[in-house]
Amino acid sequence: MPFHYPNGKLYLNDAKDNPKKQPKNQEVRFDNRGMSLEEEINESNRYYLAHDIAVIYKKPLPIQIVKVDYPKRSAAVIKEAYFRKPSTTDYNGVYKGYYLDFEAKETKNKASFPLKNFHQHQIEHMRHCLRQDGICFVIIRFVSLKRLFVYPATPLIRAWDTQETAQGRKSIPLNTIETEGFEIHYALNPLIPYLSAVEQLIHYLESRKGVHYGN
């Protein structure tokens, strides 16, 4: 089913809708799980919710349906839809009284994370959340390296803002992510224990109270 952005441009999911970018091996496997990063985070969030640790959900996409077929009386098939407005980030919720807002991204690069994986409206959304003392970050998976990081929004925004300058880069080096971020490792329950890294991020931010981020 085709989806369109608010400006009418056709939305293509690289791994699903664009045959020219279709990977030969569509499943990225970690310990034979075969799940996408989104599925792994969703499963982790279900664990956090079931154990009263945090309430975090994936945000629904703002979709406007424009064409529906009814091949059977009991079934309707959506044939075409548009994104009503640009989406912000993937997830939000609350943990120990803190508002969490974050994105999930993957890259096959081994040495850096490309900034082109983000959009301006996502960066602006995180910037506004930081100004309200929200906890914002991105969960990054380096597919080839099988490594996961929680990377704070503050250095991400800084990299985004400077990418067009003489000193800027179009990507964030892995060694920078290692230094400024928090590496996390797969576990049994939850599958991705990212809140352990969020705890460290909260501790750091609490120690810097009064400092405004993302300006």
C-alpha atoms as a PDB file:
ATOM      1  CA  MET A   1       0.000   0.000   0.000  1.00  0.00           C
ATOM      2  CA  PRO A   2       1.527   3.380  -0.978  1.00  0.00           C
ATOM      3  CA  PHE A   3       1.942   6.095   1.651  1.00  0.00           C
ATOM      4  CA  HIS A   4       2.631   9.741   0.902  1.00  0.00           C
ATOM      5  CA  TYR A   5       4.222  12.589   2.819  1.00  0.00           C
ATOM      6  CA  PRO A   6       2.149  15.763   3.442  1.00  0.00           C
ATOM      7  CA  ASN A   7       3.695  17.325   0.309  1.00  0.00           C
ATOM      8  CA  GLY A   8       2.435  14.404  -1.800  1.00  0.00           C
ATOM      9  CA  LYS A   9       5.840  12.744  -2.257  1.00  0.00           C
ATOM     10  CA  LEU A  10       5.706   8.955  -2.205  1.00  0.00           C
ATOM     11  CA  TYR A  11       7.118   7.398   0.955  1.00  0.00           C
ATOM     12  CA  LEU A  12       9.538   4.514   0.328  1.00  0.00           C
ATOM     13  CA  ASN A  13      10.726   2.179   3.040  1.00  0.00           C
ATOM     14  CA  ASP A  14      14.216   1.240   1.851  1.00  0.00           C
ATOM     15  CA  ALA A  15      14.027  -2.328   3.044  1.00  0.00           C
ATOM     16  CA  LYS A  16      10.483  -2.976   1.914  1.00  0.00           C
ATOM     17  CA  ASP A  17       9.111  -0.688  -0.794  1.00  0.00           C
ATOM     18  CA  ASN A  18      12.146   0.151  -2.926  1.00  0.00           C
ATOM     19  CA  PRO A  19      13.313  -2.880  -4.925  1.00  0.00           C
ATOM     20  CA  LYS A  20      16.543  -1.121  -5.943  1.00  0.00           C
ATOM     21  CA  LYS A  21      17.510  -0.906  -2.279  1.00  0.00           C
ATOM     22  CA  GLN A  22      16.182  -4.301  -1.280  1.00  0.00           C
ATOM     23  CA  PRO A  23      18.897  -6.104   0.724  1.00  0.00           C
ATOM     24  CA  LYS A  24      19.729  -9.658  -0.270  1.00  0.00           C
ATOM     25  CA  ASN A  25      19.333 -10.821   3.300  1.00  0.00           C
ATOM     26  CA  GLN A  26      16.352  -8.981   4.733  1.00  0.00           C
ATOM     27  CA  GLU A  27      16.682 -10.247   8.286  1.00  0.00           C
ATOM     28  CA  VAL A  28      19.286  -8.832  10.622  1.00  0.00           C
ATOM     29  CA  ARG A  29      19.904 -11.507  13.222  1.00  0.00           C
ATOM     30  CA  PHE A  30      21.260 -11.045  16.724  1.00  0.00           C
ATOM     31  CA  ASP A  31      21.609 -14.379  18.507  1.00  0.00           C
ATOM     32  CA  ASN A  32      19.188 -15.852  15.951  1.00  0.00           C
ATOM     33  CA  ARG A  33      16.318 -13.635  17.068  1.00  0.00           C
ATOM     34  CA  GLY A  34      15.594 -12.293  13.602  1.00  0.00           C
ATOM     35  CA  MET A  35      13.721  -9.289  15.005  1.00  0.00           C
ATOM     36  CA  SER A  36      14.022  -5.693  13.886  1.00  0.00           C
ATOM     37  CA  LEU A  37      15.314  -3.065  16.299  1.00  0.00           C
ATOM     38  CA  GLU A  38      11.775  -1.700  16.620  1.00  0.00           C
ATOM     39  CA  GLU A  39      10.397  -5.124  17.549  1.00  0.00           C
ATOM     40  CA  GLU A  40      13.146  -5.583  20.133  1.00  0.00           C
ATOM     41  CA  ILE A  41      12.416  -2.222  21.720  1.00  0.00           C
ATOM     42  CA  ASN A  42       8.678  -2.934  21.705  1.00  0.00           C
ATOM     43  CA  GLU A  43       9.284  -6.228  23.475  1.00  0.00           C
ATOM     44  CA  SER A  44      11.511  -4.480  26.025  1.00  0.00           C
ATOM     45  CA  ASN A  45       8.820  -1.870  26.612  1.00  0.00           C
ATOM     46  CA  ARG A  46       6.252  -4.576  27.252  1.00  0.00           C
ATOM     47  CA  TYR A  47       8.553  -6.005  29.921  1.00  0.00           C
ATOM     48  CA  TYR A  48       9.019  -2.577  31.530  1.00  0.00           C
ATOM     49  CA  LEU A  49       5.257  -2.036  31.557  1.00  0.00           C
ATOM     50  CA  ALA A  50       4.402  -5.494  32.916  1.00  0.00           C
ATOM     51  CA  HIS A  51       6.834  -4.976  35.808  1.00  0.00           C
ATOM     52  CA  ASP A  52       5.727  -1.396  36.576  1.00  0.00           C
ATOM     53  CA  ILE A  53       9.164  -0.038  35.702  1.00  0.00           C
ATOM     54  CA  ALA A  54       8.185   2.449  32.979  1.00  0.00           C
ATOM     55  CA  VAL A  55       5.308   3.308  30.634  1.00  0.00           C
ATOM     56  CA  ILE A  56       6.722   3.789  27.148  1.00  0.00           C
ATOM     57  CA  TYR A  57       4.950   3.352  23.819  1.00  0.00           C
ATOM     58  CA  LYS A  58       5.690   3.674  20.146  1.00  0.00           C
ATOM     59  CA  LYS A  59       3.946   6.735  18.737  1.00  0.00           C
ATOM     60  CA  PRO A  60       1.242   6.043  16.140  1.00  0.00           C
ATOM     61  CA  LEU A  61       1.828   7.416  12.661  1.00  0.00           C
ATOM     62  CA  PRO A  62      -0.484  10.316  11.698  1.00  0.00           C
ATOM     63  CA  ILE A  63      -2.055   8.724   8.611  1.00  0.00           C
ATOM     64  CA  GLN A  64      -4.923   9.953   6.441  1.00  0.00           C
ATOM     65  CA  ILE A  65      -6.611   7.169   4.470  1.00  0.00           C
ATOM     66  CA  VAL A  66      -7.703   8.260   0.992  1.00  0.00           C
ATOM     67  CA  LYS A  67      -8.545   5.026  -0.839  1.00  0.00           C
ATOM     68  CA  VAL A  68     -10.160   1.842   0.468  1.00  0.00           C
ATOM     69  CA  ASP A  69     -11.302  -1.221  -1.441  1.00  0.00           C
ATOM     70  CA  TYR A  70     -13.922  -3.635  -0.168  1.00  0.00           C
ATOM     71  CA  PRO A  71     -13.212  -7.014  -1.802  1.00  0.00           C
ATOM     72  CA  LYS A  72     -15.501  -8.655   0.754  1.00  0.00           C
ATOM     73  CA  ARG A  73     -18.300  -7.363   2.927  1.00  0.00           C
ATOM     74  CA  SER A  74     -16.393  -8.362   6.040  1.00  0.00           C
ATOM     75  CA  ALA A  75     -13.003  -6.970   4.948  1.00  0.00           C
ATOM     76  CA  ALA A  76     -11.621  -3.615   3.903  1.00  0.00           C
ATOM     77  CA  VAL A  77      -8.250  -3.119   2.218  1.00  0.00           C
ATOM     78  CA  ILE A  78      -6.468   0.244   2.463  1.00  0.00           C
ATOM     79  CA  LYS A  79      -5.013   1.012  -0.971  1.00  0.00           C
ATOM     80  CA  GLU A  80      -3.571   4.501  -0.483  1.00  0.00           C
ATOM     81  CA  ALA A  81      -2.834   6.793   2.443  1.00  0.00           C
ATOM     82  CA  TYR A  82      -0.920   9.961   3.305  1.00  0.00           C
ATOM     83  CA  PHE A  83       1.055  11.061   6.321  1.00  0.00           C
ATOM     84  CA  ARG A  84      -1.082  13.953   7.638  1.00  0.00           C
ATOM     85  CA  LYS A  85       2.003  15.656   9.079  1.00  0.00           C
ATOM     86  CA  PRO A  86       5.673  14.791   9.604  1.00  0.00           C
ATOM     87  CA  SER A  87       6.194  12.346  12.446  1.00  0.00           C
ATOM     88  CA  THR A  88       8.429  13.388  15.338  1.00  0.00           C
ATOM     89  CA  THR A  89      10.268  10.615  17.161  1.00  0.00           C
ATOM     90  CA  ASP A  90       9.498   6.921  17.537  1.00  0.00           C
ATOM     91  CA  TYR A  91       8.827   6.564  21.263  1.00  0.00           C
ATOM     92  CA  ASN A  92       7.781   8.497  24.340  1.00  0.00           C
ATOM     93  CA  GLY A  93       6.663   7.795  27.875  1.00  0.00           C
ATOM     94  CA  VAL A  94       7.469   8.260  31.535  1.00  0.00           C
ATOM     95  CA  TYR A  95      10.097   6.712  33.802  1.00  0.00           C
ATOM     96  CA  LYS A  96      10.495   7.629  37.497  1.00  0.00           C
ATOM     97  CA  GLY A  97       8.745  10.936  36.865  1.00  0.00           C
ATOM     98  CA  TYR A  98      10.899  11.803  33.855  1.00  0.00           C
ATOM     99  CA  TYR A  99       9.465  12.320  30.394  1.00  0.00           C
ATOM    100  CA  LEU A 100      11.348  10.177  27.851  1.00  0.00           C
ATOM    101  CA  ASP A 101      11.329  10.859  24.132  1.00  0.00           C
ATOM    102  CA  PHE A 102      13.553   8.945  21.747  1.00  0.00           C
ATOM    103  CA  GLU A 103      14.234   7.675  18.270  1.00  0.00           C
ATOM    104  CA  ALA A 104      15.547   4.265  17.130  1.00  0.00           C
ATOM    105  CA  LYS A 105      18.001   4.086  14.234  1.00  0.00           C
ATOM    106  CA  GLU A 106      20.212   1.504  12.558  1.00  0.00           C
ATOM    107  CA  THR A 107      23.228   1.753  10.276  1.00  0.00           C
ATOM    108  CA  LYS A 108      25.363  -0.748   8.409  1.00  0.00           C
ATOM    109  CA  ASN A 109      28.319   1.644   8.619  1.00  0.00           C
ATOM    110  CA  LYS A 110      31.124   0.449  10.842  1.00  0.00           C
ATOM    111  CA  ALA A 111      32.990   3.690  11.530  1.00  0.00           C
ATOM    112  CA  SER A 112      30.265   6.338  11.881  1.00  0.00           C
ATOM    113  CA  PHE A 113      26.548   7.088  12.064  1.00  0.00           C
ATOM    114  CA  PRO A 114      25.203   9.184   9.136  1.00  0.00           C
ATOM    115  CA  LEU A 115      23.225  12.273  10.115  1.00  0.00           C
ATOM    116  CA  LYS A 116      21.065  11.859   7.000  1.00  0.00           C
ATOM    117  CA  ASN A 117      19.138   9.247   8.998  1.00  0.00           C
ATOM    118  CA  PHE A 118      17.437  12.148  10.776  1.00  0.00           C
ATOM    119  CA  HIS A 119      15.103  14.900   9.579  1.00  0.00           C
ATOM    120  CA  GLN A 120      15.059  18.537  10.592  1.00  0.00           C
ATOM    121  CA  HIS A 121      11.622  18.266  12.228  1.00  0.00           C
ATOM    122  CA  GLN A 122      12.861  15.402  14.419  1.00  0.00           C
ATOM    123  CA  ILE A 123      15.826  17.443  15.587  1.00  0.00           C
ATOM    124  CA  GLU A 124      13.576  20.418  16.340  1.00  0.00           C
ATOM    125  CA  HIS A 125      11.185  18.201  18.270  1.00  0.00           C
ATOM    126  CA  MET A 126      14.005  16.898  20.463  1.00  0.00           C
ATOM    127  CA  ARG A 127      15.327  20.419  20.926  1.00  0.00           C
ATOM    128  CA  HIS A 128      11.935  21.569  22.244  1.00  0.00           C
ATOM    129  CA  CYS A 129      11.671  18.541  24.554  1.00  0.00           C
ATOM    130  CA  LEU A 130      15.102  19.273  26.030  1.00  0.00           C
ATOM    131  CA  ARG A 131      14.053  22.840  26.779  1.00  0.00           C
ATOM    132  CA  GLN A 132      11.243  21.379  28.897  1.00  0.00           C
ATOM    133  CA  ASP A 133      13.744  19.180  30.781  1.00  0.00           C
ATOM    134  CA  GLY A 134      12.699  16.033  28.930  1.00  0.00           C
ATOM    135  CA  ILE A 135      15.125  13.125  28.575  1.00  0.00           C
ATOM    136  CA  CYS A 136      15.816  12.743  24.852  1.00  0.00           C
ATOM    137  CA  PHE A 137      18.097  10.322  23.069  1.00  0.00           C
ATOM    138  CA  VAL A 138      18.456   7.914  20.189  1.00  0.00           C
ATOM    139  CA  ILE A 139      19.015   4.171  20.393  1.00  0.00           C
ATOM    140  CA  ILE A 140      21.586   3.396  17.703  1.00  0.00           C
ATOM    141  CA  ARG A 141      22.348  -0.077  16.420  1.00  0.00           C
ATOM    142  CA  PHE A 142      25.496  -0.681  14.397  1.00  0.00           C
ATOM    143  CA  VAL A 143      24.233  -3.692  12.474  1.00  0.00           C
ATOM    144  CA  SER A 144      27.557  -5.033  11.197  1.00  0.00           C
ATOM    145  CA  LEU A 145      29.280  -4.559  14.555  1.00  0.00           C
ATOM    146  CA  LYS A 146      26.328  -5.911  16.575  1.00  0.00           C
ATOM    147  CA  ARG A 147      26.655  -2.987  18.993  1.00  0.00           C
ATOM    148  CA  LEU A 148      23.960  -0.863  20.644  1.00  0.00           C
ATOM    149  CA  PHE A 149      24.200   2.637  22.102  1.00  0.00           C
ATOM    150  CA  VAL A 150      21.993   5.145  23.861  1.00  0.00           C
ATOM    151  CA  TYR A 151      23.178   8.472  22.440  1.00  0.00           C
ATOM    152  CA  PRO A 152      21.919  11.688  24.103  1.00  0.00           C
ATOM    153  CA  ALA A 153      20.071  14.269  22.030  1.00  0.00           C
ATOM    154  CA  THR A 154      22.373  17.104  23.104  1.00  0.00           C
ATOM    155  CA  PRO A 155      25.500  15.989  21.192  1.00  0.00           C
ATOM    156  CA  LEU A 156      23.267  14.788  18.339  1.00  0.00           C
ATOM    157  CA  ILE A 157      21.768  18.268  17.979  1.00  0.00           C
ATOM    158  CA  ARG A 158      25.214  19.813  18.200  1.00  0.00           C
ATOM    159  CA  ALA A 159      26.464  17.566  15.378  1.00  0.00           C
ATOM    160  CA  TRP A 160      23.367  18.367  13.322  1.00  0.00           C
ATOM    161  CA  ASP A 161      23.774  22.126  13.780  1.00  0.00           C
ATOM    162  CA  THR A 162      27.454  22.108  12.779  1.00  0.00           C
ATOM    163  CA  GLN A 163      27.332  19.694   9.831  1.00  0.00           C
ATOM    164  CA  GLU A 164      27.144  22.525   7.285  1.00  0.00           C
ATOM    165  CA  THR A 165      30.049  24.473   8.798  1.00  0.00           C
ATOM    166  CA  ALA A 166      33.700  24.159   7.841  1.00  0.00           C
ATOM    167  CA  GLN A 167      34.368  22.086  10.954  1.00  0.00           C
ATOM    168  CA  GLY A 168      31.207  19.992  10.615  1.00  0.00           C
ATOM    169  CA  ARG A 169      30.768  16.400   9.508  1.00  0.00           C
ATOM    170  CA  LYS A 170      27.919  14.537   7.819  1.00  0.00           C
ATOM    171  CA  SER A 171      28.202  11.734  10.333  1.00  0.00           C
ATOM    172  CA  ILE A 172      29.053  11.069  13.965  1.00  0.00           C
ATOM    173  CA  PRO A 173      32.219   8.953  14.355  1.00  0.00           C
ATOM    174  CA  LEU A 174      31.866   5.716  16.280  1.00  0.00           C
ATOM    175  CA  ASN A 175      34.579   6.757  18.734  1.00  0.00           C
ATOM    176  CA  THR A 176      32.566   9.907  19.507  1.00  0.00           C
ATOM    177  CA  ILE A 177      29.465   7.815  20.164  1.00  0.00           C
ATOM    178  CA  GLU A 178      31.532   5.554  22.406  1.00  0.00           C
ATOM    179  CA  THR A 179      32.723   8.590  24.373  1.00  0.00           C
ATOM    180  CA  GLU A 180      29.502  10.626  24.564  1.00  0.00           C
ATOM    181  CA  GLY A 181      27.003   7.779  24.574  1.00  0.00           C
ATOM    182  CA  PHE A 182      26.253   4.705  26.666  1.00  0.00           C
ATOM    183  CA  GLU A 183      26.774   1.235  25.258  1.00  0.00           C
ATOM    184  CA  ILE A 184      24.134  -1.338  26.136  1.00  0.00           C
ATOM    185  CA  HIS A 185      24.117  -5.095  25.679  1.00  0.00           C
ATOM    186  CA  TYR A 186      21.410  -7.597  24.942  1.00  0.00           C
ATOM    187  CA  ALA A 187      19.916  -9.391  27.932  1.00  0.00           C
ATOM    188  CA  LEU A 188      17.161 -11.891  28.644  1.00  0.00           C
ATOM    189  CA  ASN A 189      14.629  -9.616  30.356  1.00  0.00           C
ATOM    190  CA  PRO A 190      14.329  -7.018  29.052  1.00  0.00           C
ATOM    191  CA  LEU A 191      15.835  -7.797  25.671  1.00  0.00           C
ATOM    192  CA  ILE A 192      17.309  -4.298  25.310  1.00  0.00           C
ATOM    193  CA  PRO A 193      17.880  -2.906  28.824  1.00  0.00           C
ATOM    194  CA  TYR A 194      18.157   0.674  27.636  1.00  0.00           C
ATOM    195  CA  LEU A 195      16.822   2.154  30.885  1.00  0.00           C
ATOM    196  CA  SER A 196      20.112   1.248  32.546  1.00  0.00           C
ATOM    197  CA  ALA A 197      21.766   3.737  30.194  1.00  0.00           C
ATOM    198  CA  VAL A 198      18.940   6.236  30.765  1.00  0.00           C
ATOM    199  CA  GLU A 199      19.723   6.050  34.498  1.00  0.00           C
ATOM    200  CA  GLN A 200      23.285   7.137  33.750  1.00  0.00           C
ATOM    201  CA  LEU A 201      22.033   9.904  31.494  1.00  0.00           C
ATOM    202  CA  ILE A 202      19.640  11.153  34.189  1.00  0.00           C
ATOM    203  CA  HIS A 203      22.443  11.110  36.762  1.00  0.00           C
ATOM    204  CA  TYR A 204      24.626  13.176  34.453  1.00  0.00           C
ATOM    205  CA  LEU A 205      21.854  15.678  33.699  1.00  0.00           C
ATOM    206  CA  GLU A 206      20.993  16.007  37.394  1.00  0.00           C
ATOM    207  CA  SER A 207      24.623  16.873  38.085  1.00  0.00           C
ATOM    208  CA  ARG A 208      24.362  19.649  35.499  1.00  0.00           C
ATOM    209  CA  LYS A 209      21.126  21.201  36.763  1.00  0.00           C
ATOM    210  CA  GLY A 210      20.663  24.731  35.507  1.00  0.00           C
ATOM    211  CA  VAL A 211      22.485  24.049  32.243  1.00  0.00           C
ATOM    212  CA  HIS A 212      20.171  24.341  29.235  1.00  0.00           C
ATOM    213  CA  TYR A 213      20.586  21.814  26.435  1.00  0.00           C
ATOM    214  CA  GLY A 214      19.805  21.855  22.755  1.00  0.00           C
ATOM    215  CA  ASN A 215      19.771  25.652  22.385  1.00  0.00           C
END
